[in-house]
Amino acid sequence: MLELLRVQSQRQPVILVCEDIHWADHTSSELLDLIRQSISERPILIIATFRPEFRLPWKADARLDLNRLSPGLIFVDS
């Protein structure tokens, strides 16, 4: 996985999206942390989503907290 990201990031910037990391098992969490540690000099952006009660085991460079949509803001296309 690290080699794939390295090769791709030499060709063009990479965005890695990891959703619901609060459900990640130990091995997946270790892999994500390893990726995070190895990309400091590469054009790679990691976007990770997780529930508000989840605490990242590392410091994020940026964080955006989103609240639930109120019922009046939900649009249903019929």
PDB file of N, CA and C in Angstrom:
ATOM      1  N   MET A   1       0.827  -1.190   0.000  1.00  0.00           N
ATOM      2  CA  MET A   1       0.000   0.000   0.000  1.00  0.00           C
ATOM      3  C   MET A   1       0.872   1.255   0.000  1.00  0.00           C
ATOM      4  N   LEU A   2       1.914   1.235   0.830  1.00  0.00           N
ATOM      5  CA  LEU A   2       2.819   2.390   0.878  1.00  0.00           C
ATOM      6  C   LEU A   2       3.502   2.619  -0.471  1.00  0.00           C
ATOM      7  N   GLU A   3       3.917   1.548  -1.108  1.00  0.00           N
ATOM      8  CA  GLU A   3       4.583   1.668  -2.405  1.00  0.00           C
ATOM      9  C   GLU A   3       3.619   2.186  -3.467  1.00  0.00           C
ATOM     10  N   LEU A   4       2.388   1.722  -3.444  1.00  0.00           N
ATOM     11  CA  LEU A   4       1.382   2.201  -4.383  1.00  0.00           C
ATOM     12  C   LEU A   4       1.161   3.704  -4.219  1.00  0.00           C
ATOM     13  N   LEU A   5       1.034   4.151  -2.986  1.00  0.00           N
ATOM     14  CA  LEU A   5       0.865   5.583  -2.731  1.00  0.00           C
ATOM     15  C   LEU A   5       2.092   6.378  -3.157  1.00  0.00           C
ATOM     16  N   ARG A   6       3.277   5.828  -2.899  1.00  0.00           N
ATOM     17  CA  ARG A   6       4.506   6.508  -3.292  1.00  0.00           C
ATOM     18  C   ARG A   6       4.573   6.687  -4.802  1.00  0.00           C
ATOM     19  N   VAL A   7       4.310   5.623  -5.545  1.00  0.00           N
ATOM     20  CA  VAL A   7       4.382   5.675  -7.005  1.00  0.00           C
ATOM     21  C   VAL A   7       3.324   6.629  -7.564  1.00  0.00           C
ATOM     22  N   GLN A   8       2.099   6.518  -7.070  1.00  0.00           N
ATOM     23  CA  GLN A   8       1.032   7.394  -7.557  1.00  0.00           C
ATOM     24  C   GLN A   8       1.328   8.857  -7.261  1.00  0.00           C
ATOM     25  N   SER A   9       1.872   9.130  -6.076  1.00  0.00           N
ATOM     26  CA  SER A   9       2.134  10.522  -5.708  1.00  0.00           C
ATOM     27  C   SER A   9       3.303  11.119  -6.489  1.00  0.00           C
ATOM     28  N   GLN A  10       4.116  10.285  -7.115  1.00  0.00           N
ATOM     29  CA  GLN A  10       5.177  10.798  -7.996  1.00  0.00           C
ATOM     30  C   GLN A  10       4.581  11.256  -9.323  1.00  0.00           C
ATOM     31  N   ARG A  11       3.450  10.661  -9.698  1.00  0.00           N
ATOM     32  CA  ARG A  11       2.786  11.013 -10.958  1.00  0.00           C
ATOM     33  C   ARG A  11       1.882  12.228 -10.806  1.00  0.00           C
ATOM     34  N   GLN A  12       1.143  12.257  -9.680  1.00  0.00           N
ATOM     35  CA  GLN A  12       0.180  13.331  -9.441  1.00  0.00           C
ATOM     36  C   GLN A  12      -0.198  13.332  -7.965  1.00  0.00           C
ATOM     37  N   PRO A  13      -0.729  14.446  -7.470  1.00  0.00           N
ATOM     38  CA  PRO A  13      -1.167  14.472  -6.074  1.00  0.00           C
ATOM     39  C   PRO A  13      -2.250  13.416  -5.817  1.00  0.00           C
ATOM     40  N   VAL A  14      -2.277  12.880  -4.610  1.00  0.00           N
ATOM     41  CA  VAL A  14      -3.189  11.806  -4.251  1.00  0.00           C
ATOM     42  C   VAL A  14      -4.055  12.238  -3.071  1.00  0.00           C
ATOM     43  N   ILE A  15      -5.343  11.908  -3.145  1.00  0.00           N
ATOM     44  CA  ILE A  15      -6.248  12.079  -2.014  1.00  0.00           C
ATOM     45  C   ILE A  15      -6.674  10.686  -1.581  1.00  0.00           C
ATOM     46  N   LEU A  16      -6.407  10.352  -0.330  1.00  0.00           N
ATOM     47  CA  LEU A  16      -6.781   9.060   0.238  1.00  0.00           C
ATOM     48  C   LEU A  16      -7.933   9.300   1.201  1.00  0.00           C
ATOM     49  N   VAL A  17      -9.098   8.744   0.899  1.00  0.00           N
ATOM     50  CA  VAL A  17     -10.278   8.927   1.739  1.00  0.00           C
ATOM     51  C   VAL A  17     -10.518   7.645   2.537  1.00  0.00           C
ATOM     52  N   CYS A  18     -10.563   7.795   3.847  1.00  0.00           N
ATOM     53  CA  CYS A  18     -10.806   6.672   4.757  1.00  0.00           C
ATOM     54  C   CYS A  18     -12.057   7.009   5.562  1.00  0.00           C
ATOM     55  N   GLU A  19     -13.128   6.305   5.290  1.00  0.00           N
ATOM     56  CA  GLU A  19     -14.393   6.609   5.955  1.00  0.00           C
ATOM     57  C   GLU A  19     -14.610   5.726   7.170  1.00  0.00           C
ATOM     58  N   ASP A  20     -15.277   6.299   8.152  1.00  0.00           N
ATOM     59  CA  ASP A  20     -15.689   5.572   9.363  1.00  0.00           C
ATOM     60  C   ASP A  20     -14.529   4.859  10.046  1.00  0.00           C
ATOM     61  N   ILE A  21     -13.437   5.595  10.275  1.00  0.00           N
ATOM     62  CA  ILE A  21     -12.274   4.932  10.879  1.00  0.00           C
ATOM     63  C   ILE A  21     -12.512   4.531  12.327  1.00  0.00           C
ATOM     64  N   HIS A  22     -13.622   4.969  12.899  1.00  0.00           N
ATOM     65  CA  HIS A  22     -13.971   4.502  14.244  1.00  0.00           C
ATOM     66  C   HIS A  22     -14.293   3.008  14.237  1.00  0.00           C
ATOM     67  N   TRP A  23     -14.575   2.432  13.061  1.00  0.00           N
ATOM     68  CA  TRP A  23     -14.842   0.996  12.933  1.00  0.00           C
ATOM     69  C   TRP A  23     -13.582   0.206  12.559  1.00  0.00           C
ATOM     70  N   ALA A  24     -12.474   0.855  12.342  1.00  0.00           N
ATOM     71  CA  ALA A  24     -11.259   0.174  11.861  1.00  0.00           C
ATOM     72  C   ALA A  24     -10.713  -0.799  12.902  1.00  0.00           C
ATOM     73  N   ASP A  25     -10.243  -1.943  12.418  1.00  0.00           N
ATOM     74  CA  ASP A  25      -9.598  -2.890  13.324  1.00  0.00           C
ATOM     75  C   ASP A  25      -8.170  -2.421  13.609  1.00  0.00           C
ATOM     76  N   HIS A  26      -7.507  -3.112  14.502  1.00  0.00           N
ATOM     77  CA  HIS A  26      -6.172  -2.701  14.947  1.00  0.00           C
ATOM     78  C   HIS A  26      -5.178  -2.643  13.778  1.00  0.00           C
ATOM     79  N   THR A  27      -5.202  -3.649  12.910  1.00  0.00           N
ATOM     80  CA  THR A  27      -4.265  -3.696  11.785  1.00  0.00           C
ATOM     81  C   THR A  27      -4.507  -2.548  10.813  1.00  0.00           C
ATOM     82  N   SER A  28      -5.764  -2.254  10.530  1.00  0.00           N
ATOM     83  CA  SER A  28      -6.091  -1.138   9.630  1.00  0.00           C
ATOM     84  C   SER A  28      -5.666   0.191  10.243  1.00  0.00           C
ATOM     85  N   SER A  29      -5.866   0.345  11.538  1.00  0.00           N
ATOM     86  CA  SER A  29      -5.441   1.572  12.223  1.00  0.00           C
ATOM     87  C   SER A  29      -3.927   1.735  12.163  1.00  0.00           C
ATOM     88  N   GLU A  30      -3.196   0.636  12.352  1.00  0.00           N
ATOM     89  CA  GLU A  30      -1.732   0.690  12.261  1.00  0.00           C
ATOM     90  C   GLU A  30      -1.287   1.070  10.858  1.00  0.00           C
ATOM     91  N   LEU A  31      -1.954   0.524   9.835  1.00  0.00           N
ATOM     92  CA  LEU A  31      -1.609   0.851   8.452  1.00  0.00           C
ATOM     93  C   LEU A  31      -1.867   2.334   8.184  1.00  0.00           C
ATOM     94  N   LEU A  32      -2.994   2.846   8.612  1.00  0.00           N
ATOM     95  CA  LEU A  32      -3.291   4.263   8.421  1.00  0.00           C
ATOM     96  C   LEU A  32      -2.255   5.140   9.115  1.00  0.00           C
ATOM     97  N   ASP A  33      -1.850   4.759  10.303  1.00  0.00           N
ATOM     98  CA  ASP A  33      -0.830   5.526  11.014  1.00  0.00           C
ATOM     99  C   ASP A  33       0.514   5.457  10.290  1.00  0.00           C
ATOM    100  N   LEU A  34       0.865   4.293   9.778  1.00  0.00           N
ATOM    101  CA  LEU A  34       2.106   4.140   9.015  1.00  0.00           C
ATOM    102  C   LEU A  34       2.077   5.006   7.752  1.00  0.00           C
ATOM    103  N   ILE A  35       0.950   5.009   7.060  1.00  0.00           N
ATOM    104  CA  ILE A  35       0.803   5.864   5.876  1.00  0.00           C
ATOM    105  C   ILE A  35       0.968   7.326   6.281  1.00  0.00           C
ATOM    106  N   ARG A  36       0.276   7.713   7.337  1.00  0.00           N
ATOM    107  CA  ARG A  36       0.330   9.097   7.808  1.00  0.00           C
ATOM    108  C   ARG A  36       1.762   9.520   8.119  1.00  0.00           C
ATOM    109  N   GLN A  37       2.525   8.643   8.752  1.00  0.00           N
ATOM    110  CA  GLN A  37       3.900   8.970   9.120  1.00  0.00           C
ATOM    111  C   GLN A  37       4.825   9.051   7.909  1.00  0.00           C
ATOM    112  N   SER A  38       4.486   8.346   6.840  1.00  0.00           N
ATOM    113  CA  SER A  38       5.416   8.258   5.707  1.00  0.00           C
ATOM    114  C   SER A  38       5.107   9.232   4.575  1.00  0.00           C
ATOM    115  N   ILE A  39       4.095  10.086   4.717  1.00  0.00           N
ATOM    116  CA  ILE A  39       3.726  10.949   3.586  1.00  0.00           C
ATOM    117  C   ILE A  39       4.151  12.397   3.761  1.00  0.00           C
ATOM    118  N   SER A  40       4.895  12.706   4.781  1.00  0.00           N
ATOM    119  CA  SER A  40       5.190  14.115   5.076  1.00  0.00           C
ATOM    120  C   SER A  40       5.854  14.850   3.917  1.00  0.00           C
ATOM    121  N   GLU A  41       6.597  14.170   3.100  1.00  0.00           N
ATOM    122  CA  GLU A  41       7.289  14.811   1.980  1.00  0.00           C
ATOM    123  C   GLU A  41       6.612  14.535   0.647  1.00  0.00           C
ATOM    124  N   ARG A  42       5.403  14.011   0.682  1.00  0.00           N
ATOM    125  CA  ARG A  42       4.713  13.634  -0.559  1.00  0.00           C
ATOM    126  C   ARG A  42       3.418  14.423  -0.712  1.00  0.00           C
ATOM    127  N   PRO A  43       2.976  14.622  -1.967  1.00  0.00           N
ATOM    128  CA  PRO A  43       1.709  15.334  -2.194  1.00  0.00           C
ATOM    129  C   PRO A  43       0.507  14.406  -1.996  1.00  0.00           C
ATOM    130  N   ILE A  44       0.291  14.028  -0.749  1.00  0.00           N
ATOM    131  CA  ILE A  44      -0.813  13.121  -0.403  1.00  0.00           C
ATOM    132  C   ILE A  44      -1.643  13.765   0.703  1.00  0.00           C
ATOM    133  N   LEU A  45      -2.950  13.777   0.493  1.00  0.00           N
ATOM    134  CA  LEU A  45      -3.884  14.289   1.479  1.00  0.00           C
ATOM    135  C   LEU A  45      -4.733  13.128   1.976  1.00  0.00           C
ATOM    136  N   ILE A  46      -4.787  12.931   3.279  1.00  0.00           N
ATOM    137  CA  ILE A  46      -5.655  11.915   3.868  1.00  0.00           C
ATOM    138  C   ILE A  46      -6.882  12.612   4.433  1.00  0.00           C
ATOM    139  N   ILE A  47      -8.046  12.170   4.017  1.00  0.00           N
ATOM    140  CA  ILE A  47      -9.307  12.641   4.579  1.00  0.00           C
ATOM    141  C   ILE A  47      -9.923  11.451   5.299  1.00  0.00           C
ATOM    142  N   ALA A  48     -10.118  11.591   6.599  1.00  0.00           N
ATOM    143  CA  ALA A  48     -10.675  10.498   7.402  1.00  0.00           C
ATOM    144  C   ALA A  48     -11.948  10.971   8.088  1.00  0.00           C
ATOM    145  N   THR A  49     -12.984  10.154   8.000  1.00  0.00           N
ATOM    146  CA  THR A  49     -14.223  10.484   8.698  1.00  0.00           C
ATOM    147  C   THR A  49     -14.383   9.553   9.888  1.00  0.00           C
ATOM    148  N   PHE A  50     -14.989  10.097  10.958  1.00  0.00           N
ATOM    149  CA  PHE A  50     -15.211   9.295  12.157  1.00  0.00           C
ATOM    150  C   PHE A  50     -16.250   9.977  13.024  1.00  0.00           C
ATOM    151  N   ARG A  51     -16.811   9.218  13.930  1.00  0.00           N
ATOM    152  CA  ARG A  51     -17.819   9.745  14.840  1.00  0.00           C
ATOM    153  C   ARG A  51     -17.185  10.711  15.841  1.00  0.00           C
ATOM    154  N   PRO A  52     -17.986  11.664  16.352  1.00  0.00           N
ATOM    155  CA  PRO A  52     -17.435  12.692  17.247  1.00  0.00           C
ATOM    156  C   PRO A  52     -16.779  12.135  18.506  1.00  0.00           C
ATOM    157  N   GLU A  53     -17.266  11.030  19.026  1.00  0.00           N
ATOM    158  CA  GLU A  53     -16.698  10.484  20.261  1.00  0.00           C
ATOM    159  C   GLU A  53     -15.365   9.763  20.049  1.00  0.00           C
ATOM    160  N   PHE A  54     -15.013   9.483  18.794  1.00  0.00           N
ATOM    161  CA  PHE A  54     -13.750   8.810  18.484  1.00  0.00           C
ATOM    162  C   PHE A  54     -12.595   9.790  18.674  1.00  0.00           C
ATOM    163  N   ARG A  55     -11.524   9.331  19.268  1.00  0.00           N
ATOM    164  CA  ARG A  55     -10.331  10.160  19.464  1.00  0.00           C
ATOM    165  C   ARG A  55      -9.192   9.609  18.613  1.00  0.00           C
ATOM    166  N   LEU A  56      -8.664  10.467  17.756  1.00  0.00           N
ATOM    167  CA  LEU A  56      -7.528  10.061  16.926  1.00  0.00           C
ATOM    168  C   LEU A  56      -6.323   9.789  17.806  1.00  0.00           C
ATOM    169  N   PRO A  57      -5.554   8.752  17.493  1.00  0.00           N
ATOM    170  CA  PRO A  57      -4.344   8.475  18.276  1.00  0.00           C
ATOM    171  C   PRO A  57      -3.168   9.373  17.881  1.00  0.00           C
ATOM    172  N   TRP A  58      -3.387  10.296  16.958  1.00  0.00           N
ATOM    173  CA  TRP A  58      -2.355  11.231  16.534  1.00  0.00           C
ATOM    174  C   TRP A  58      -2.994  12.617  16.390  1.00  0.00           C
ATOM    175  N   LYS A  59      -2.152  13.617  16.231  1.00  0.00           N
ATOM    176  CA  LYS A  59      -2.649  14.981  16.064  1.00  0.00           C
ATOM    177  C   LYS A  59      -2.952  15.225  14.583  1.00  0.00           C
ATOM    178  N   ALA A  60      -4.162  15.649  14.303  1.00  0.00           N
ATOM    179  CA  ALA A  60      -4.550  15.967  12.925  1.00  0.00           C
ATOM    180  C   ALA A  60      -4.028  17.352  12.555  1.00  0.00           C
ATOM    181  N   ASP A  61      -3.680  17.535  11.288  1.00  0.00           N
ATOM    182  CA  ASP A  61      -3.248  18.851  10.811  1.00  0.00           C
ATOM    183  C   ASP A  61      -4.423  19.820  10.754  1.00  0.00           C
ATOM    184  N   ALA A  62      -5.598  19.281  10.483  1.00  0.00           N
ATOM    185  CA  ALA A  62      -6.815  20.095  10.439  1.00  0.00           C
ATOM    186  C   ALA A  62      -7.982  19.198  10.811  1.00  0.00           C
ATOM    187  N   ARG A  63      -9.025  19.825  11.338  1.00  0.00           N
ATOM    188  CA  ARG A  63     -10.199  19.061  11.739  1.00  0.00           C
ATOM    189  C   ARG A  63     -11.425  19.915  11.467  1.00  0.00           C
ATOM    190  N   LEU A  64     -12.460  19.281  10.948  1.00  0.00           N
ATOM    191  CA  LEU A  64     -13.720  19.947  10.671  1.00  0.00           C
ATOM    192  C   LEU A  64     -14.828  19.134  11.324  1.00  0.00           C
ATOM    193  N   ASP A  65     -15.444  19.691  12.346  1.00  0.00           N
ATOM    194  CA  ASP A  65     -16.540  19.013  13.040  1.00  0.00           C
ATOM    195  C   ASP A  65     -17.859  19.411  12.396  1.00  0.00           C
ATOM    196  N   LEU A  66     -18.663  18.417  12.052  1.00  0.00           N
ATOM    197  CA  LEU A  66     -19.959  18.658  11.437  1.00  0.00           C
ATOM    198  C   LEU A  66     -21.062  18.157  12.357  1.00  0.00           C
ATOM    199  N   ASN A  67     -22.116  18.920  12.473  1.00  0.00           N
ATOM    200  CA  ASN A  67     -23.284  18.499  13.236  1.00  0.00           C
ATOM    201  C   ASN A  67     -24.280  17.824  12.304  1.00  0.00           C
ATOM    202  N   ARG A  68     -25.219  17.118  12.894  1.00  0.00           N
ATOM    203  CA  ARG A  68     -26.275  16.502  12.092  1.00  0.00           C
ATOM    204  C   ARG A  68     -27.103  17.590  11.423  1.00  0.00           C
ATOM    205  N   LEU A  69     -27.652  17.267  10.253  1.00  0.00           N
ATOM    206  CA  LEU A  69     -28.563  18.190   9.587  1.00  0.00           C
ATOM    207  C   LEU A  69     -29.885  18.212  10.328  1.00  0.00           C
ATOM    208  N   SER A  70     -30.478  19.383  10.421  1.00  0.00           N
ATOM    209  CA  SER A  70     -31.806  19.441  11.021  1.00  0.00           C
ATOM    210  C   SER A  70     -32.815  18.919   9.997  1.00  0.00           C
ATOM    211  N   PRO A  71     -33.951  18.398  10.444  1.00  0.00           N
ATOM    212  CA  PRO A  71     -34.944  17.834   9.503  1.00  0.00           C
ATOM    213  C   PRO A  71     -35.361  18.819   8.415  1.00  0.00           C
ATOM    214  N   GLY A  72     -35.382  20.111   8.703  1.00  0.00           N
ATOM    215  CA  GLY A  72     -35.768  21.098   7.705  1.00  0.00           C
ATOM    216  C   GLY A  72     -34.750  21.292   6.602  1.00  0.00           C
ATOM    217  N   LEU A  73     -33.536  20.815   6.801  1.00  0.00           N
ATOM    218  CA  LEU A  73     -32.484  20.994   5.795  1.00  0.00           C
ATOM    219  C   LEU A  73     -32.287  19.774   4.900  1.00  0.00           C
ATOM    220  N   ILE A  74     -33.001  18.709   5.169  1.00  0.00           N
ATOM    221  CA  ILE A  74     -32.860  17.492   4.378  1.00  0.00           C
ATOM    222  C   ILE A  74     -33.789  17.573   3.172  1.00  0.00           C
ATOM    223  N   PHE A  75     -33.207  17.480   1.996  1.00  0.00           N
ATOM    224  CA  PHE A  75     -33.981  17.550   0.763  1.00  0.00           C
ATOM    225  C   PHE A  75     -34.140  16.163   0.173  1.00  0.00           C
ATOM    226  N   VAL A  76     -35.344  15.821  -0.183  1.00  0.00           N
ATOM    227  CA  VAL A  76     -35.622  14.531  -0.807  1.00  0.00           C
ATOM    228  C   VAL A  76     -36.084  14.810  -2.223  1.00  0.00           C
ATOM    229  N   ASP A  77     -35.382  14.251  -3.190  1.00  0.00           N
ATOM    230  CA  ASP A  77     -35.735  14.443  -4.592  1.00  0.00           C
ATOM    231  C   ASP A  77     -36.736  13.366  -4.979  1.00  0.00           C
ATOM    232  N   SER A  78     -37.969  13.784  -5.306  1.00  0.00           N
ATOM    233  CA  SER A  78     -38.995  12.777  -5.629  1.00  0.00           C
ATOM    234  C   SER A  78     -39.276  12.675  -7.092  1.00  0.00           C
TER     235      SER A  78
END
